[in-house]
């Protein structure tokens, strides 16, 4: 028998869903709809698109959940469906092709796999404006990433999936995940630095 990867709550909900429980379906949506919606919003930047992606994710999930063998976490499986929905929506909109991010324009890192994090100024309430300002700059920079880099960056650094999990969700190699994440972080660091250098932040 295959080892079950889902946690106890999800395992119970899946079993109840397979037995015909509508309540179990509602509970699954309650547990994951906010994260799936937020992911869709970060990927597409529009509320309607995020709602469409969340709806498509759960419709597909419930269509195939009876055959789900729990060899991966339910959350990971849902994000895989959501990522596919994002890519499908992008193709329908005939967006610009993904551009490679060249490393030549960046100063090489020291090899450390450091996450791009927002500084925490919460100890000083007077810095709330600065923190909100930086968040806006970072969000804008993330939206300027091309789709494939934004996918990897969002899954790894925002959603907290491991390199292996991100690889499985997107169906790409772990090396591709590492390369895209590295380039995305460098791009964001340069983009945010340039924003402040140019003094465009009000």
Protein backbone atom coordinates (compact mmCIF):
# COMPACT_ATOMS: atom_id res chain seq x y z
CA UNK A 1 0.00 0.00 0.00
CA UNK A 2 1.26 3.47 -0.90
CA UNK A 3 2.18 5.76 1.97
CA UNK A 4 -0.39 8.49 2.54
CA UNK A 5 1.06 12.02 2.42
CA UNK A 6 -2.03 14.00 3.43
CA UNK A 7 -2.44 15.16 7.01
CA UNK A 8 -5.08 13.65 9.31
CA UNK A 9 -7.69 16.38 8.74
CA UNK A 10 -7.39 16.28 4.95
CA UNK A 11 -7.36 12.49 4.94
CA UNK A 12 -10.62 12.44 6.89
CA UNK A 13 -12.21 15.08 4.64
CA UNK A 14 -11.19 13.19 1.49
CA UNK A 15 -12.60 9.93 2.86
CA UNK A 16 -15.87 11.66 3.74
CA UNK A 17 -16.02 13.32 0.33
CA UNK A 18 -15.53 9.96 -1.38
CA UNK A 19 -18.40 8.65 0.74
CA UNK A 20 -20.64 11.40 -0.62
CA UNK A 21 -20.41 14.11 2.04
CA UNK A 22 -21.22 17.60 0.73
CA UNK A 23 -20.06 19.06 4.05
CA UNK A 24 -16.59 17.59 3.46
CA UNK A 25 -16.46 19.37 0.12
CA UNK A 26 -17.35 22.67 1.80
CA UNK A 27 -14.71 22.14 4.49
CA UNK A 28 -12.00 21.53 1.88
CA UNK A 29 -12.93 24.78 0.16
CA UNK A 30 -12.89 26.63 3.51
CA UNK A 31 -9.42 25.29 4.33
CA UNK A 32 -7.79 26.28 1.03
CA UNK A 33 -9.84 28.87 -0.86
CA UNK A 34 -8.04 31.91 0.59
CA UNK A 35 -4.57 30.60 -0.31
CA UNK A 36 -5.65 29.53 -3.79
CA UNK A 37 -7.36 32.88 -4.40
CA UNK A 38 -4.30 34.81 -3.17
CA UNK A 39 -2.06 32.70 -5.41
CA UNK A 40 -4.29 33.46 -8.41
CA UNK A 41 -4.25 37.15 -7.57
CA UNK A 42 -0.45 37.26 -7.34
CA UNK A 43 -0.13 35.40 -10.62
CA UNK A 44 -2.71 37.38 -12.61
CA UNK A 45 -3.04 40.69 -10.77
CA UNK A 46 -6.81 40.91 -11.30
CA UNK A 47 -9.63 39.98 -8.90
CA UNK A 48 -11.83 38.44 -11.60
CA UNK A 49 -8.98 36.25 -12.88
CA UNK A 50 -8.16 35.14 -9.33
CA UNK A 51 -11.81 34.23 -8.73
CA UNK A 52 -11.90 32.31 -12.01
CA UNK A 53 -8.74 30.40 -11.09
CA UNK A 54 -10.05 29.52 -7.62
CA UNK A 55 -13.36 28.34 -9.08
CA UNK A 56 -11.66 26.28 -11.78
CA UNK A 57 -9.26 24.79 -9.22
CA UNK A 58 -12.00 23.51 -6.93
CA UNK A 59 -14.27 22.36 -9.77
CA UNK A 60 -11.43 20.27 -11.18
CA UNK A 61 -10.39 19.09 -7.73
CA UNK A 62 -13.84 17.74 -6.94
CA UNK A 63 -14.11 16.21 -10.40
CA UNK A 64 -10.97 14.14 -9.81
CA UNK A 65 -10.81 13.82 -6.02
CA UNK A 66 -12.38 10.34 -6.01
CA UNK A 67 -9.29 9.11 -7.83
CA UNK A 68 -6.82 11.03 -5.64
CA UNK A 69 -4.56 8.47 -3.94
CA UNK A 70 -3.06 10.86 -1.39
CA UNK A 71 0.51 10.19 -2.50
CA UNK A 72 1.09 13.94 -2.17
CA UNK A 73 -0.37 16.52 0.18
CA UNK A 74 -3.83 17.80 -0.73
CA UNK A 75 -2.50 21.39 -0.62
CA UNK A 76 0.24 20.54 -3.14
CA UNK A 77 -2.28 18.81 -5.42
CA UNK A 78 -4.60 21.84 -5.31
CA UNK A 79 -1.74 24.22 -6.10
CA UNK A 80 -0.75 22.02 -9.04
CA UNK A 81 -4.30 22.36 -10.40
CA UNK A 82 -4.23 26.12 -9.70
CA UNK A 83 -0.87 26.57 -11.45
CA UNK A 84 -2.22 24.73 -14.49
CA UNK A 85 -5.31 26.97 -14.45
CA UNK A 86 -3.04 30.05 -14.33
CA UNK A 87 -1.04 28.86 -17.32
CA UNK A 88 -4.22 28.02 -19.26
CA UNK A 89 -5.70 31.46 -18.59
CA UNK A 90 -2.46 33.11 -19.65
CA UNK A 91 -2.46 31.20 -22.95
CA UNK A 92 -6.09 32.23 -23.61
CA UNK A 93 -5.16 35.87 -23.14
CA UNK A 94 -2.31 35.47 -25.64
CA UNK A 95 0.09 37.22 -23.29
CA UNK A 96 3.62 38.09 -24.25
CA UNK A 97 6.04 35.14 -24.22
CA UNK A 98 8.15 34.47 -21.16
CA UNK A 99 11.50 36.21 -21.45
CA UNK A 100 14.66 34.80 -19.99
CA UNK A 101 16.26 36.86 -17.24
CA UNK A 102 19.91 37.36 -18.07
CA UNK A 103 22.34 37.01 -15.19
CA UNK A 104 24.89 39.21 -16.93
CA UNK A 105 23.27 42.40 -15.68
CA UNK A 106 23.43 41.33 -12.05
CA UNK A 107 26.21 41.16 -9.52
CA UNK A 108 26.66 37.44 -8.71
CA UNK A 109 25.51 36.26 -5.30
CA UNK A 110 27.89 34.46 -2.97
CA UNK A 111 26.05 31.21 -3.63
CA UNK A 112 23.79 31.44 -0.59
CA UNK A 113 20.15 30.51 -1.25
CA UNK A 114 18.81 33.55 0.62
CA UNK A 115 15.10 34.32 0.48
CA UNK A 116 13.95 37.76 -0.55
CA UNK A 117 12.22 39.01 2.58
CA UNK A 118 10.44 42.21 3.54
CA UNK A 119 12.17 43.80 6.55
CA UNK A 120 10.07 43.71 9.71
CA UNK A 121 9.54 47.20 11.10
CA UNK A 122 6.50 46.24 13.18
CA UNK A 123 8.24 47.16 16.44
CA UNK A 124 7.96 50.84 15.55
CA UNK A 125 4.40 51.98 14.64
CA UNK A 126 5.75 55.15 13.04
CA UNK A 127 7.37 52.97 10.38
CA UNK A 128 4.04 51.56 9.17
CA UNK A 129 4.01 53.95 6.22
CA UNK A 130 7.50 52.87 5.17
CA UNK A 131 6.56 49.21 5.45
CA UNK A 132 3.39 49.71 3.39
CA UNK A 133 5.41 51.65 0.83
CA UNK A 134 8.00 48.88 0.53
CA UNK A 135 5.30 46.22 0.22
CA UNK A 136 3.76 48.16 -2.66
CA UNK A 137 7.14 48.43 -4.38
CA UNK A 138 7.79 44.71 -3.90
CA UNK A 139 4.32 43.73 -5.15
CA UNK A 140 4.82 45.87 -8.25
CA UNK A 141 8.24 44.31 -8.85
CA UNK A 142 6.80 40.79 -8.52
CA UNK A 143 4.10 41.62 -11.07
CA UNK A 144 6.84 42.71 -13.49
CA UNK A 145 8.40 39.23 -13.41
CA UNK A 146 7.58 37.15 -16.45
CA UNK A 147 5.12 34.34 -15.78
CA UNK A 148 7.44 31.36 -15.33
CA UNK A 149 9.67 33.23 -12.88
CA UNK A 150 6.69 34.61 -10.98
CA UNK A 151 5.28 31.09 -10.62
CA UNK A 152 8.46 29.74 -9.07
CA UNK A 153 9.05 32.80 -6.86
CA UNK A 154 5.44 32.78 -5.59
CA UNK A 155 5.43 29.06 -4.80
CA UNK A 156 8.87 29.04 -3.15
CA UNK A 157 9.24 32.38 -1.37
CA UNK A 158 5.63 33.38 -0.76
CA UNK A 159 3.78 30.08 -0.37
CA UNK A 160 6.75 28.33 1.23
CA UNK A 161 6.87 25.16 -0.87
CA UNK A 162 10.20 23.35 -1.02
CA UNK A 163 12.24 23.11 -4.22
CA UNK A 164 11.09 19.50 -4.68
CA UNK A 165 7.44 20.38 -4.10
CA UNK A 166 7.63 23.30 -6.53
CA UNK A 167 9.22 20.99 -9.08
CA UNK A 168 6.32 18.54 -8.72
CA UNK A 169 3.64 21.25 -8.81
CA UNK A 170 5.01 22.81 -12.01
CA UNK A 171 6.26 19.63 -13.65
CA UNK A 172 9.80 20.96 -14.13
CA UNK A 173 13.17 19.79 -12.83
CA UNK A 174 14.49 20.86 -9.42
CA UNK A 175 17.44 22.48 -11.22
CA UNK A 176 15.02 24.60 -13.27
CA UNK A 177 13.28 25.64 -10.05
CA UNK A 178 16.62 26.68 -8.49
CA UNK A 179 17.74 28.56 -11.61
CA UNK A 180 14.45 30.44 -12.05
CA UNK A 181 14.24 31.28 -8.34
CA UNK A 182 17.82 32.57 -8.30
CA UNK A 183 17.21 34.78 -11.34
CA UNK A 184 13.84 35.98 -10.00
CA UNK A 185 15.40 37.03 -6.68
CA UNK A 186 18.22 38.88 -8.44
CA UNK A 187 15.77 40.61 -10.77
CA UNK A 188 13.57 41.70 -7.85
CA UNK A 189 16.51 42.96 -5.83
CA UNK A 190 17.71 45.06 -8.76
CA UNK A 191 14.19 46.24 -9.66
CA UNK A 192 13.45 47.37 -6.10
CA UNK A 193 16.85 49.04 -5.72
CA UNK A 194 16.35 50.87 -9.01
CA UNK A 195 12.93 52.11 -7.89
CA UNK A 196 14.46 53.78 -4.87
CA UNK A 197 17.51 55.05 -6.78
CA UNK A 198 15.25 56.75 -9.29
CA UNK A 199 13.21 58.30 -6.49
CA UNK A 200 9.90 57.26 -8.00
CA UNK A 201 8.43 56.16 -4.68
CA UNK A 202 6.23 58.88 -3.22
